[in-house]
C-alpha atoms as a PDB file:
ATOM      1  CA  MET A   1       0.000   0.000   0.000  1.00  0.00           C
ATOM      2  CA  ALA A   2       1.304   3.442  -0.989  1.00  0.00           C
ATOM      3  CA  GLU A   3       2.345   5.727   1.821  1.00  0.00           C
ATOM      4  CA  GLN A   4      -0.301   8.245   2.720  1.00  0.00           C
ATOM      5  CA  TYR A   5      -0.154  12.006   2.712  1.00  0.00           C
ATOM      6  CA  ARG A   6      -1.984  13.696   5.574  1.00  0.00           C
ATOM      7  CA  LEU A   7      -4.172  16.707   4.805  1.00  0.00           C
ATOM      8  CA  LEU A   8      -4.992  18.751   7.893  1.00  0.00           C
ATOM      9  CA  GLY A   9      -7.951  20.960   7.183  1.00  0.00           C
ATOM     10  CA  VAL A  10     -11.454  22.040   8.104  1.00  0.00           C
ATOM     11  CA  GLU A  11     -14.653  21.436   6.147  1.00  0.00           C
ATOM     12  CA  LEU A  12     -15.575  25.126   6.473  1.00  0.00           C
ATOM     13  CA  SER A  13     -12.287  26.199   4.860  1.00  0.00           C
ATOM     14  CA  PRO A  14     -12.678  26.674   1.074  1.00  0.00           C
ATOM     15  CA  TYR A  15      -8.942  26.187   0.595  1.00  0.00           C
ATOM     16  CA  SER A  16      -8.958  22.938   2.573  1.00  0.00           C
ATOM     17  CA  VAL A  17     -11.741  21.363   0.524  1.00  0.00           C
ATOM     18  CA  LYS A  18     -10.133  22.703  -2.659  1.00  0.00           C
ATOM     19  CA  VAL A  19      -6.943  20.732  -1.962  1.00  0.00           C
ATOM     20  CA  ARG A  20      -8.895  17.687  -0.778  1.00  0.00           C
ATOM     21  CA  SER A  21     -10.811  17.611  -4.063  1.00  0.00           C
ATOM     22  CA  TYR A  22      -7.529  17.924  -5.979  1.00  0.00           C
ATOM     23  CA  LEU A  23      -5.991  15.026  -4.043  1.00  0.00           C
ATOM     24  CA  ARG A  24      -9.028  12.903  -4.826  1.00  0.00           C
ATOM     25  CA  TYR A  25      -8.821  13.781  -8.520  1.00  0.00           C
ATOM     26  CA  LYS A  26      -5.118  12.946  -8.615  1.00  0.00           C
ATOM     27  CA  LYS A  27      -5.788   9.742  -6.676  1.00  0.00           C
ATOM     28  CA  VAL A  28      -3.063  10.666  -4.206  1.00  0.00           C
ATOM     29  CA  PRO A  29      -3.161   8.261  -1.235  1.00  0.00           C
ATOM     30  CA  HIS A  30      -4.114  10.534   1.637  1.00  0.00           C
ATOM     31  CA  LYS A  31      -5.962  10.865   4.882  1.00  0.00           C
ATOM     32  CA  TRP A  32      -8.243  13.801   5.613  1.00  0.00           C
ATOM     33  CA  VAL A  33      -7.438  14.945   9.146  1.00  0.00           C
ATOM     34  CA  VAL A  34      -9.776  17.488  10.727  1.00  0.00           C
ATOM     35  CA  ARG A  35      -7.741  20.142  12.516  1.00  0.00           C
ATOM     36  CA  MET A  36      -8.883  20.340  16.120  1.00  0.00           C
ATOM     37  CA  PRO A  37      -7.268  21.028  19.525  1.00  0.00           C
ATOM     38  CA  SER A  38      -6.384  17.370  20.029  1.00  0.00           C
ATOM     39  CA  ARG A  39      -4.152  17.577  16.951  1.00  0.00           C
ATOM     40  CA  SER A  40      -2.563  20.933  17.745  1.00  0.00           C
ATOM     41  CA  GLY A  41       0.810  19.336  18.418  1.00  0.00           C
ATOM     42  CA  GLU A  42       1.068  17.783  14.969  1.00  0.00           C
ATOM     43  CA  PHE A  43      -0.059  21.024  13.346  1.00  0.00           C
ATOM     44  CA  ALA A  44       2.422  23.162  15.287  1.00  0.00           C
ATOM     45  CA  LYS A  45       5.249  20.783  14.438  1.00  0.00           C
ATOM     46  CA  HIS A  46       4.793  21.189  10.687  1.00  0.00           C
ATOM     47  CA  ALA A  47       3.049  24.526  10.083  1.00  0.00           C
ATOM     48  CA  LYS A  48       4.979  27.692   9.274  1.00  0.00           C
ATOM     49  CA  LEU A  49       1.758  29.712   9.299  1.00  0.00           C
ATOM     50  CA  PRO A  50      -1.382  29.257  11.441  1.00  0.00           C
ATOM     51  CA  ILE A  51      -3.518  28.427   8.414  1.00  0.00           C
ATOM     52  CA  VAL A  52      -5.074  25.391   6.759  1.00  0.00           C
ATOM     53  CA  PRO A  53      -4.730  23.405   4.635  1.00  0.00           C
ATOM     54  CA  LEU A  54      -1.504  21.793   5.771  1.00  0.00           C
ATOM     55  CA  LEU A  55      -0.306  18.844   3.695  1.00  0.00           C
ATOM     56  CA  ILE A  56       2.209  16.499   5.316  1.00  0.00           C
ATOM     57  CA  ARG A  57       4.134  14.189   3.004  1.00  0.00           C
ATOM     58  CA  PRO A  58       4.997  10.601   3.966  1.00  0.00           C
ATOM     59  CA  ASP A  59       8.613  11.745   4.562  1.00  0.00           C
ATOM     60  CA  GLY A  60       7.429  14.275   7.164  1.00  0.00           C
ATOM     61  CA  SER A  61       7.942  17.418   5.088  1.00  0.00           C
ATOM     62  CA  ALA A  62       4.980  19.760   4.869  1.00  0.00           C
ATOM     63  CA  MET A  63       3.395  22.299   2.521  1.00  0.00           C
ATOM     64  CA  GLN A  64       0.906  25.128   2.991  1.00  0.00           C
ATOM     65  CA  ASP A  65      -1.020  27.439   0.658  1.00  0.00           C
ATOM     66  CA  SER A  66      -3.391  25.720  -1.746  1.00  0.00           C
ATOM     67  CA  THR A  67      -1.936  26.730  -5.125  1.00  0.00           C
ATOM     68  CA  PRO A  68       1.719  25.890  -4.320  1.00  0.00           C
ATOM     69  CA  ILE A  69       0.509  22.568  -2.883  1.00  0.00           C
ATOM     70  CA  MET A  70      -1.280  21.798  -6.144  1.00  0.00           C
ATOM     71  CA  ASP A  71       1.717  22.871  -8.228  1.00  0.00           C
ATOM     72  CA  GLN A  72       4.033  20.560  -6.305  1.00  0.00           C
ATOM     73  CA  LEU A  73       1.629  17.629  -6.430  1.00  0.00           C
ATOM     74  CA  ALA A  74       1.331  18.094 -10.195  1.00  0.00           C
ATOM     75  CA  LEU A  75       5.056  17.326 -10.418  1.00  0.00           C
ATOM     76  CA  GLU A  76       4.776  14.276  -8.193  1.00  0.00           C
ATOM     77  CA  PHE A  77       1.494  13.012  -9.701  1.00  0.00           C
ATOM     78  CA  PRO A  78       1.382  14.350 -13.282  1.00  0.00           C
ATOM     79  CA  GLN A  79      -1.669  12.352 -14.354  1.00  0.00           C
ATOM     80  CA  PRO A  80      -4.520  12.977 -14.614  1.00  0.00           C
ATOM     81  CA  SER A  81      -3.663  16.548 -15.518  1.00  0.00           C
ATOM     82  CA  ALA A  82      -5.551  19.569 -14.232  1.00  0.00           C
ATOM     83  CA  VAL A  83      -3.700  21.961 -16.550  1.00  0.00           C
ATOM     84  CA  PRO A  84      -4.564  22.305 -20.252  1.00  0.00           C
ATOM     85  CA  ASP A  85      -1.636  21.692 -22.615  1.00  0.00           C
ATOM     86  CA  ASP A  86      -2.388  24.960 -24.401  1.00  0.00           C
ATOM     87  CA  PRO A  87      -0.447  27.633 -22.439  1.00  0.00           C
ATOM     88  CA  VAL A  88      -3.162  30.187 -23.178  1.00  0.00           C
ATOM     89  CA  LEU A  89      -5.859  28.038 -21.615  1.00  0.00           C
ATOM     90  CA  ALA A  90      -3.504  27.091 -18.777  1.00  0.00           C
ATOM     91  CA  PHE A  91      -3.046  30.767 -17.933  1.00  0.00           C
ATOM     92  CA  LEU A  92      -6.770  31.541 -18.174  1.00  0.00           C
ATOM     93  CA  SER A  93      -7.488  28.654 -15.816  1.00  0.00           C
ATOM     94  CA  ARG A  94      -4.894  29.943 -13.361  1.00  0.00           C
ATOM     95  CA  LEU A  95      -6.309  33.478 -13.669  1.00  0.00           C
ATOM     96  CA  LEU A  96      -9.791  32.234 -12.804  1.00  0.00           C
ATOM     97  CA  GLU A  97      -8.362  30.346  -9.853  1.00  0.00           C
ATOM     98  CA  GLU A  98      -6.756  33.567  -8.614  1.00  0.00           C
ATOM     99  CA  TYR A  99     -10.092  35.347  -8.959  1.00  0.00           C
ATOM    100  CA  ALA A 100     -11.744  32.561  -6.968  1.00  0.00           C
ATOM    101  CA  ASP A 101      -9.165  32.554  -4.172  1.00  0.00           C
ATOM    102  CA  GLU A 102      -8.974  36.312  -3.752  1.00  0.00           C
ATOM    103  CA  TRP A 103     -12.406  37.640  -4.761  1.00  0.00           C
ATOM    104  CA  VAL A 104     -15.042  34.873  -4.577  1.00  0.00           C
ATOM    105  CA  ASN A 105     -13.852  34.349  -1.025  1.00  0.00           C
ATOM    106  CA  LYS A 106     -15.579  37.668  -0.272  1.00  0.00           C
ATOM    107  CA  PRO A 107     -19.185  36.566  -0.837  1.00  0.00           C
ATOM    108  CA  MET A 108     -18.448  33.240   0.853  1.00  0.00           C
ATOM    109  CA  PHE A 109     -17.219  34.990   4.008  1.00  0.00           C
ATOM    110  CA  HIS A 110     -19.772  37.802   3.715  1.00  0.00           C
ATOM    111  CA  TYR A 111     -22.788  35.485   3.634  1.00  0.00           C
ATOM    112  CA  ARG A 112     -21.373  33.246   6.354  1.00  0.00           C
ATOM    113  CA  TRP A 113     -21.222  36.057   8.888  1.00  0.00           C
ATOM    114  CA  LYS A 114     -23.987  38.457   7.806  1.00  0.00           C
ATOM    115  CA  ALA A 115     -27.374  36.876   8.628  1.00  0.00           C
ATOM    116  CA  GLU A 116     -28.048  35.313  12.014  1.00  0.00           C
ATOM    117  CA  ALA A 117     -29.032  31.942  10.553  1.00  0.00           C
ATOM    118  CA  ASP A 118     -25.665  31.679   8.810  1.00  0.00           C
ATOM    119  CA  GLN A 119     -23.784  32.954  11.843  1.00  0.00           C
ATOM    120  CA  ASN A 120     -25.434  30.327  14.030  1.00  0.00           C
ATOM    121  CA  SER A 121     -24.780  27.526  11.565  1.00  0.00           C
ATOM    122  CA  ALA A 122     -21.101  28.330  11.094  1.00  0.00           C
ATOM    123  CA  SER A 123     -20.492  29.032  14.786  1.00  0.00           C
ATOM    124  CA  LEU A 124     -21.928  25.687  15.863  1.00  0.00           C
ATOM    125  CA  ARG A 125     -19.932  23.779  13.261  1.00  0.00           C
ATOM    126  CA  LEU A 126     -16.723  25.523  14.265  1.00  0.00           C
ATOM    127  CA  ALA A 127     -17.484  25.000  17.951  1.00  0.00           C
ATOM    128  CA  GLU A 128     -17.879  21.283  17.357  1.00  0.00           C
ATOM    129  CA  LEU A 129     -14.260  21.144  16.160  1.00  0.00           C
ATOM    130  CA  ARG A 130     -13.078  22.615  19.457  1.00  0.00           C
ATOM    131  CA  MET A 131     -14.920  20.220  21.720  1.00  0.00           C
ATOM    132  CA  PRO A 132     -12.764  17.909  23.870  1.00  0.00           C
ATOM    133  CA  LEU A 133     -13.246  14.318  22.758  1.00  0.00           C
ATOM    134  CA  VAL A 134     -14.211  13.182  26.240  1.00  0.00           C
ATOM    135  CA  LEU A 135     -17.289  15.443  26.259  1.00  0.00           C
ATOM    136  CA  ARG A 136     -18.707  13.765  23.179  1.00  0.00           C
ATOM    137  CA  TYR A 137     -19.754  10.913  25.427  1.00  0.00           C
ATOM    138  CA  ILE A 138     -21.604  13.270  27.797  1.00  0.00           C
ATOM    139  CA  PRO A 139     -24.424  14.651  25.611  1.00  0.00           C
ATOM    140  CA  ILE A 140     -25.809  17.297  27.983  1.00  0.00           C
ATOM    141  CA  ALA A 141     -22.429  18.762  28.907  1.00  0.00           C
ATOM    142  CA  ASN A 142     -21.375  18.565  25.270  1.00  0.00           C
ATOM    143  CA  SER A 143     -24.388  20.600  24.123  1.00  0.00           C
ATOM    144  CA  ILE A 144     -23.972  23.249  26.810  1.00  0.00           C
ATOM    145  CA  ILE A 145     -20.262  23.791  26.240  1.00  0.00           C
ATOM    146  CA  GLN A 146     -20.630  23.680  22.465  1.00  0.00           C
ATOM    147  CA  ALA A 147     -23.289  26.406  22.669  1.00  0.00           C
ATOM    148  CA  GLN A 148     -21.008  28.524  24.857  1.00  0.00           C
ATOM    149  CA  ILE A 149     -18.081  28.158  22.443  1.00  0.00           C
ATOM    150  CA  ALA A 150     -20.372  28.898  19.494  1.00  0.00           C
ATOM    151  CA  THR A 151     -21.523  32.122  21.156  1.00  0.00           C
ATOM    152  CA  GLU A 152     -17.910  33.241  21.585  1.00  0.00           C
ATOM    153  CA  ILE A 153     -17.067  32.408  17.963  1.00  0.00           C
ATOM    154  CA  LYS A 154     -20.148  34.214  16.688  1.00  0.00           C
ATOM    155  CA  LYS A 155     -19.356  37.327  18.692  1.00  0.00           C
ATOM    156  CA  ARG A 156     -15.781  37.425  17.414  1.00  0.00           C
ATOM    157  CA  MET A 157     -16.428  36.597  13.757  1.00  0.00           C
ATOM    158  CA  THR A 158     -19.433  38.832  13.128  1.00  0.00           C
ATOM    159  CA  GLY A 159     -17.162  41.824  13.659  1.00  0.00           C
ATOM    160  CA  ARG A 160     -14.520  40.623  11.224  1.00  0.00           C
ATOM    161  CA  ALA A 161     -16.275  41.150   7.884  1.00  0.00           C
ATOM    162  CA  TRP A 162     -13.942  44.119   7.335  1.00  0.00           C
ATOM    163  CA  VAL A 163     -11.130  41.607   6.867  1.00  0.00           C
ATOM    164  CA  ILE A 164     -12.442  40.704   3.414  1.00  0.00           C
ATOM    165  CA  GLY A 165     -13.786  44.175   2.677  1.00  0.00           C
ATOM    166  CA  SER A 166     -17.446  43.589   3.478  1.00  0.00           C
ATOM    167  CA  ASN A 167     -19.270  46.656   4.803  1.00  0.00           C
ATOM    168  CA  GLU A 168     -22.311  48.786   4.054  1.00  0.00           C
ATOM    169  CA  LYS A 169     -20.494  50.392   1.105  1.00  0.00           C
ATOM    170  CA  THR A 170     -19.403  47.120  -0.479  1.00  0.00           C
ATOM    171  CA  GLU A 171     -21.947  44.417   0.344  1.00  0.00           C
ATOM    172  CA  ALA A 172     -24.263  45.210  -2.585  1.00  0.00           C
ATOM    173  CA  ARG A 173     -21.417  44.792  -5.095  1.00  0.00           C
ATOM    174  CA  ILE A 174     -20.186  41.620  -3.372  1.00  0.00           C
ATOM    175  CA  GLU A 175     -23.648  40.053  -3.506  1.00  0.00           C
ATOM    176  CA  ALA A 176     -24.316  41.180  -7.087  1.00  0.00           C
ATOM    177  CA  SER A 177     -20.959  39.794  -8.207  1.00  0.00           C
ATOM    178  CA  PHE A 178     -21.723  36.432  -6.601  1.00  0.00           C
ATOM    179  CA  ARG A 179     -25.096  36.138  -8.282  1.00  0.00           C
ATOM    180  CA  ASN A 180     -23.655  37.186 -11.632  1.00  0.00           C
ATOM    181  CA  LEU A 181     -20.921  34.569 -11.363  1.00  0.00           C
ATOM    182  CA  LEU A 182     -23.399  31.830 -10.424  1.00  0.00           C
ATOM    183  CA  GLY A 183     -25.599  32.662 -13.406  1.00  0.00           C
ATOM    184  CA  LEU A 184     -22.707  32.707 -15.860  1.00  0.00           C
ATOM    185  CA  LEU A 185     -21.287  29.453 -14.497  1.00  0.00           C
ATOM    186  CA  GLU A 186     -24.655  27.730 -14.633  1.00  0.00           C
ATOM    187  CA  LYS A 187     -25.028  28.663 -18.295  1.00  0.00           C
ATOM    188  CA  HIS A 188     -21.462  27.654 -19.202  1.00  0.00           C
ATOM    189  CA  LEU A 189     -21.609  24.305 -17.396  1.00  0.00           C
ATOM    190  CA  LYS A 190     -24.772  23.151 -19.139  1.00  0.00           C
ATOM    191  CA  ALA A 191     -22.654  21.933 -22.043  1.00  0.00           C
ATOM    192  CA  ARG A 192     -19.682  20.409 -20.180  1.00  0.00           C
ATOM    193  CA  PRO A 193     -18.817  18.769 -16.864  1.00  0.00           C
ATOM    194  CA  TYR A 194     -16.024  21.235 -16.000  1.00  0.00           C
ATOM    195  CA  LEU A 195     -15.089  24.797 -16.860  1.00  0.00           C
ATOM    196  CA  PHE A 196     -12.521  23.911 -19.511  1.00  0.00           C
ATOM    197  CA  GLY A 197     -14.141  20.746 -20.821  1.00  0.00           C
ATOM    198  CA  GLY A 198     -13.918  17.116 -19.820  1.00  0.00           C
ATOM    199  CA  LYS A 199     -11.339  17.509 -17.052  1.00  0.00           C
ATOM    200  CA  PRO A 200     -11.312  19.734 -13.962  1.00  0.00           C
ATOM    201  CA  SER A 201      -8.737  22.512 -14.082  1.00  0.00           C
ATOM    202  CA  TYR A 202      -7.292  24.841 -11.474  1.00  0.00           C
ATOM    203  CA  SER A 203     -10.249  27.121 -12.173  1.00  0.00           C
ATOM    204  CA  ASP A 204     -12.711  24.417 -11.123  1.00  0.00           C
ATOM    205  CA  PHE A 205     -10.890  23.639  -7.885  1.00  0.00           C
ATOM    206  CA  GLY A 206     -10.601  27.321  -6.966  1.00  0.00           C
ATOM    207  CA  LEU A 207     -14.150  28.353  -7.803  1.00  0.00           C
ATOM    208  CA  TRP A 208     -15.692  25.185  -6.436  1.00  0.00           C
ATOM    209  CA  GLY A 209     -13.867  25.531  -3.114  1.00  0.00           C
ATOM    210  CA  GLN A 210     -15.510  28.909  -2.497  1.00  0.00           C
ATOM    211  CA  ILE A 211     -18.942  28.055  -3.918  1.00  0.00           C
ATOM    212  CA  TYR A 212     -19.143  24.698  -2.154  1.00  0.00           C
ATOM    213  CA  SER A 213     -18.203  26.358   1.141  1.00  0.00           C
ATOM    214  CA  ALA A 214     -20.905  28.966   0.572  1.00  0.00           C
ATOM    215  CA  TRP A 215     -23.381  26.211  -0.310  1.00  0.00           C
ATOM    216  CA  THR A 216     -22.883  24.645   3.133  1.00  0.00           C
ATOM    217  CA  ASP A 217     -24.335  27.832   4.713  1.00  0.00           C
ATOM    218  CA  PRO A 218     -28.127  28.385   4.796  1.00  0.00           C
ATOM    219  CA  THR A 219     -28.491  31.653   2.854  1.00  0.00           C
ATOM    220  CA  PRO A 220     -26.167  31.034  -0.104  1.00  0.00           C
ATOM    221  CA  ARG A 221     -27.358  27.422  -0.258  1.00  0.00           C
ATOM    222  CA  SER A 222     -30.898  28.708  -0.707  1.00  0.00           C
ATOM    223  CA  ILE A 223     -29.713  31.178  -3.359  1.00  0.00           C
ATOM    224  CA  ILE A 224     -27.901  28.464  -5.305  1.00  0.00           C
ATOM    225  CA  GLU A 225     -30.574  25.781  -5.092  1.00  0.00           C
ATOM    226  CA  THR A 226     -33.484  28.152  -5.776  1.00  0.00           C
ATOM    227  CA  ASP A 227     -32.064  30.452  -8.436  1.00  0.00           C
ATOM    228  CA  TYR A 228     -29.159  28.481  -9.950  1.00  0.00           C
ATOM    229  CA  PRO A 229     -30.111  24.788  -9.615  1.00  0.00           C
ATOM    230  CA  GLY A 230     -28.103  23.894 -12.709  1.00  0.00           C
ATOM    231  CA  LEU A 231     -24.919  24.300 -10.640  1.00  0.00           C
ATOM    232  CA  LYS A 232     -25.819  21.469  -8.280  1.00  0.00           C
ATOM    233  CA  PRO A 233     -24.432  18.662 -10.497  1.00  0.00           C
ATOM    234  CA  TRP A 234     -21.058  20.439 -10.778  1.00  0.00           C
ATOM    235  CA  ILE A 235     -20.963  21.101  -7.027  1.00  0.00           C
ATOM    236  CA  GLN A 236     -21.590  17.418  -6.356  1.00  0.00           C
ATOM    237  CA  ARG A 237     -19.235  16.248  -9.122  1.00  0.00           C
ATOM    238  CA  MET A 238     -16.327  18.255  -7.733  1.00  0.00           C
ATOM    239  CA  LEU A 239     -16.523  16.491  -4.384  1.00  0.00           C
ATOM    240  CA  ASN A 240     -14.791  13.575  -6.084  1.00  0.00           C
ATOM    241  CA  PRO A 241     -13.920  14.678  -9.627  1.00  0.00           C
ATOM    242  CA  SER A 242     -12.640  12.474 -12.415  1.00  0.00           C
ATOM    243  CA  ALA A 243     -11.646  12.962 -16.033  1.00  0.00           C
ATOM    244  CA  GLU A 244     -14.654  12.569 -18.321  1.00  0.00           C
ATOM    245  CA  GLY A 245     -13.029  13.714 -21.545  1.00  0.00           C
ATOM    246  CA  GLU A 246     -10.434  16.146 -22.825  1.00  0.00           C
ATOM    247  CA  PHE A 247      -9.928  19.880 -22.430  1.00  0.00           C
ATOM    248  CA  GLU A 248     -11.735  21.885 -25.094  1.00  0.00           C
ATOM    249  CA  SER A 249     -10.347  24.584 -27.395  1.00  0.00           C
ATOM    250  CA  TRP A 250     -10.747  28.301 -26.749  1.00  0.00           C
ATOM    251  CA  SER A 251     -13.135  28.559 -29.703  1.00  0.00           C
ATOM    252  CA  ALA A 252     -15.445  26.044 -27.986  1.00  0.00           C
ATOM    253  CA  LEU A 253     -15.108  27.696 -24.575  1.00  0.00           C
ATOM    254  CA  ARG A 254     -15.213  31.334 -25.598  1.00  0.00           C
ATOM    255  CA  ALA A 255     -18.999  31.901 -25.493  1.00  0.00           C
ATOM    256  CA  GLY A 256     -19.206  30.777 -21.878  1.00  0.00           C
ATOM    257  CA  LEU A 257     -15.901  31.975 -20.448  1.00  0.00           C
ATOM    258  CA  MET A 258     -15.584  35.406 -22.061  1.00  0.00           C
ATOM    259  CA  PRO A 259     -18.542  36.882 -20.109  1.00  0.00           C
ATOM    260  CA  ILE A 260     -16.956  35.697 -16.855  1.00  0.00           C
ATOM    261  CA  LEU A 261     -13.577  37.134 -17.819  1.00  0.00           C
ATOM    262  CA  LYS A 262     -15.076  40.436 -18.950  1.00  0.00           C
ATOM    263  CA  GLU A 263     -17.743  41.047 -16.317  1.00  0.00           C
ATOM    264  CA  GLU A 264     -16.146  39.502 -13.260  1.00  0.00           C
ATOM    265  CA  LEU A 265     -12.409  39.901 -13.834  1.00  0.00           C
ATOM    266  CA  GLY A 266     -12.043  42.831 -16.217  1.00  0.00           C
ATOM    267  CA  ALA A 267     -14.735  44.975 -14.596  1.00  0.00           C
ATOM    268  CA  THR A 268     -14.517  43.867 -10.971  1.00  0.00           C
ATOM    269  CA  PHE A 269     -11.680  41.692  -9.705  1.00  0.00           C
ATOM    270  CA  LEU A 270      -8.659  43.148 -11.497  1.00  0.00           C
ATOM    271  CA  PRO A 271      -9.598  46.812 -10.878  1.00  0.00           C
ATOM    272  CA  TRP A 272      -9.973  45.913  -7.201  1.00  0.00           C
ATOM    273  CA  VAL A 273      -6.614  44.093  -7.122  1.00  0.00           C
ATOM    274  CA  SER A 274      -4.997  47.089  -8.789  1.00  0.00           C
ATOM    275  CA  ALA A 275      -6.457  49.388  -6.133  1.00  0.00           C
ATOM    276  CA  VAL A 276      -5.219  47.086  -3.356  1.00  0.00           C
ATOM    277  CA  LEU A 277      -1.706  47.030  -4.814  1.00  0.00           C
ATOM    278  CA  ARG A 278      -1.638  50.825  -5.139  1.00  0.00           C
ATOM    279  CA  ALA A 279      -2.791  51.257  -1.556  1.00  0.00           C
ATOM    280  CA  LEU A 280      -0.167  48.825  -0.272  1.00  0.00           C
ATOM    281  CA  GLU A 281       2.576  50.464  -2.342  1.00  0.00           C
ATOM    282  CA  ASN A 282       1.619  53.907  -1.046  1.00  0.00           C
ATOM    283  CA  GLY A 283       1.300  52.753   2.549  1.00  0.00           C
ATOM    284  CA  GLU A 284      -2.393  53.666   2.642  1.00  0.00           C
ATOM    285  CA  ASP A 285      -4.775  51.860   4.982  1.00  0.00           C
ATOM    286  CA  LYS A 286      -7.903  52.395   2.882  1.00  0.00           C
ATOM    287  CA  LEU A 287      -8.884  52.075  -0.748  1.00  0.00           C
ATOM    288  CA  ALA A 288     -11.736  53.469  -2.805  1.00  0.00           C
ATOM    289  CA  VAL A 289     -12.380  52.221  -6.323  1.00  0.00           C
ATOM    290  CA  GLN A 290     -15.316  52.323  -8.716  1.00  0.00           C
ATOM    291  CA  LEU A 291     -16.507  48.810  -9.579  1.00  0.00           C
ATOM    292  CA  GLN A 292     -19.350  48.516 -12.067  1.00  0.00           C
ATOM    293  CA  GLY A 293     -20.292  52.128 -11.337  1.00  0.00           C
ATOM    294  CA  GLU A 294     -20.421  51.617  -7.565  1.00  0.00           C
ATOM    295  CA  LEU A 295     -17.997  52.904  -4.943  1.00  0.00           C
ATOM    296  CA  PHE A 296     -16.127  50.028  -3.330  1.00  0.00           C
ATOM    297  CA  GLU A 297     -14.357  51.306  -0.229  1.00  0.00           C
ATOM    298  CA  HIS A 298     -12.757  49.404   2.616  1.00  0.00           C
ATOM    299  CA  THR A 299      -9.759  49.102   4.894  1.00  0.00           C
ATOM    300  CA  VAL A 300      -6.593  47.564   3.467  1.00  0.00           C
ATOM    301  CA  GLY A 301      -4.818  45.019   5.627  1.00  0.00           C
ATOM    302  CA  GLY A 302      -4.902  41.485   6.953  1.00  0.00           C
ATOM    303  CA  PRO A 303      -5.197  38.866   4.191  1.00  0.00           C
ATOM    304  CA  GLN A 304      -5.219  41.574   1.531  1.00  0.00           C
ATOM    305  CA  LYS A 305      -1.480  42.044   2.028  1.00  0.00           C
ATOM    306  CA  TYR A 306      -1.057  38.620   0.432  1.00  0.00           C
ATOM    307  CA  HIS A 307      -2.400  39.915  -2.886  1.00  0.00           C
ATOM    308  CA  ALA A 308       0.870  41.598  -3.813  1.00  0.00           C
ATOM    309  CA  LYS A 309       2.728  38.280  -3.587  1.00  0.00           C
ATOM    310  CA  SER A 310      -0.056  36.274  -5.174  1.00  0.00           C
ATOM    311  CA  PHE A 311      -0.558  38.617  -8.120  1.00  0.00           C
ATOM    312  CA  ALA A 312       3.197  38.856  -8.682  1.00  0.00           C
ATOM    313  CA  MET A 313       3.268  35.066  -9.116  1.00  0.00           C
ATOM    314  CA  LEU A 314       0.420  35.275 -11.619  1.00  0.00           C
ATOM    315  CA  LYS A 315       2.143  38.101 -13.499  1.00  0.00           C
ATOM    316  CA  ALA A 316       5.338  36.027 -13.674  1.00  0.00           C
ATOM    317  CA  GLN A 317       3.372  33.189 -15.266  1.00  0.00           C
ATOM    318  CA  PHE A 318       1.966  35.650 -17.806  1.00  0.00           C
ATOM    319  CA  ASP A 319       5.416  37.025 -18.611  1.00  0.00           C
ATOM    320  CA  ALA A 320       6.818  33.508 -19.084  1.00  0.00           C
ATOM    321  CA  ILE A 321       4.497  32.752 -22.025  1.00  0.00           C
ATOM    322  CA  GLU A 322       6.623  33.224 -25.138  1.00  0.00           C
ATOM    323  CA  ASP A 323       3.908  33.646 -27.754  1.00  0.00           C
ATOM    324  CA  ARG A 324       1.210  35.803 -26.214  1.00  0.00           C
ATOM    325  CA  GLU A 325      -0.564  37.010 -29.326  1.00  0.00           C
ATOM    326  CA  GLU A 326      -3.719  34.939 -28.769  1.00  0.00           C
ATOM    327  CA  LEU A 327      -3.687  35.469 -25.005  1.00  0.00           C
ATOM    328  CA  ASP A 328      -3.247  39.218 -25.410  1.00  0.00           C
ATOM    329  CA  SER A 329      -6.204  39.275 -27.792  1.00  0.00           C
ATOM    330  CA  ILE A 330      -8.413  37.399 -25.314  1.00  0.00           C
ATOM    331  CA  LEU A 331      -7.384  39.532 -22.352  1.00  0.00           C
ATOM    332  CA  ARG A 332      -7.789  42.723 -24.371  1.00  0.00           C
ATOM    333  CA  GLU A 333     -11.357  41.778 -25.293  1.00  0.00           C
ATOM    334  CA  ALA A 334     -12.051  40.970 -21.637  1.00  0.00           C
ATOM    335  CA  ASP A 335     -10.621  44.359 -20.509  1.00  0.00           C
ATOM    336  CA  CYS A 336      -7.960  42.485 -18.535  1.00  0.00           C
ATOM    337  CA  LEU A 337      -4.772  43.044 -20.544  1.00  0.00           C
ATOM    338  CA  SER A 338      -3.822  46.429 -19.113  1.00  0.00           C
ATOM    339  CA  PHE A 339      -3.501  44.955 -15.630  1.00  0.00           C
ATOM    340  CA  PHE A 340      -0.708  42.672 -16.847  1.00  0.00           C
ATOM    341  CA  ARG A 341       1.041  45.290 -18.976  1.00  0.00           C
ATOM    342  CA  SER A 342       1.569  47.869 -16.240  1.00  0.00           C
END
């Protein structure tokens, strides 16, 4: 039997389930290990940052950060591939993954901690992870202490929406963006099992991680199942994805992907990233940018500081493509090219 990798994560973490789905697709022998207090020693031993997912190799070395984990595993387990052979499509897939990780995380987090029903649901699920194992055999004490922990989590997290830029000046754009994305994805996925054809790509793992996590919360689950039911098969398929065909050509994908690139990346995500990078470069603690004709204003800090590093990696991948004529044409049409030329 092949030696197992150990993936320490949490079901409520979109990046944890993203990597878990990728491991399943790659058929990497692994064990899903829920991070909880009883496993804090193992986590502390291997983690450089206090974040999940944490992937521990059979040799004891460890990796963090979902995209670098996937990149490394692609070298160790090249088949089945999650990267189109066409470098243009490979970059577009990676670009959509970046959008998912850094922007679609906003509606996921926003919905989770906005309405009381969602707050209660998430708080109780997180509290369950913190319960001492011994109390699970004492139902009454377990329920009382879990409720107390959930109350503390709810109180702390409901005041942290600013971390992802959710406030009264931004929530309408965040919610509208989420609904627009869901509608465009539903339409595009009617004709194919995955975003780029018969195989899941980085874009699927990134977008699915955020949308699946949102779907586990009451409000966005209701939104998805009531207004965008055509996404349900893809959400379920990505829990344990497999190759069902080949990647398609850009000409076959263009009608469905171009609206996402143009409306969500060119008009929303990349202008926001650009504003974040300017604010960080200038040492400013706030940003204000017009997105789709609406003022999007929030504090800069926390996880947003990661965007400079993350976008620099994406820009390096763009610069490494030798023949960019077709890619430049696609990005120009999607109003995205200028963000990679500056």
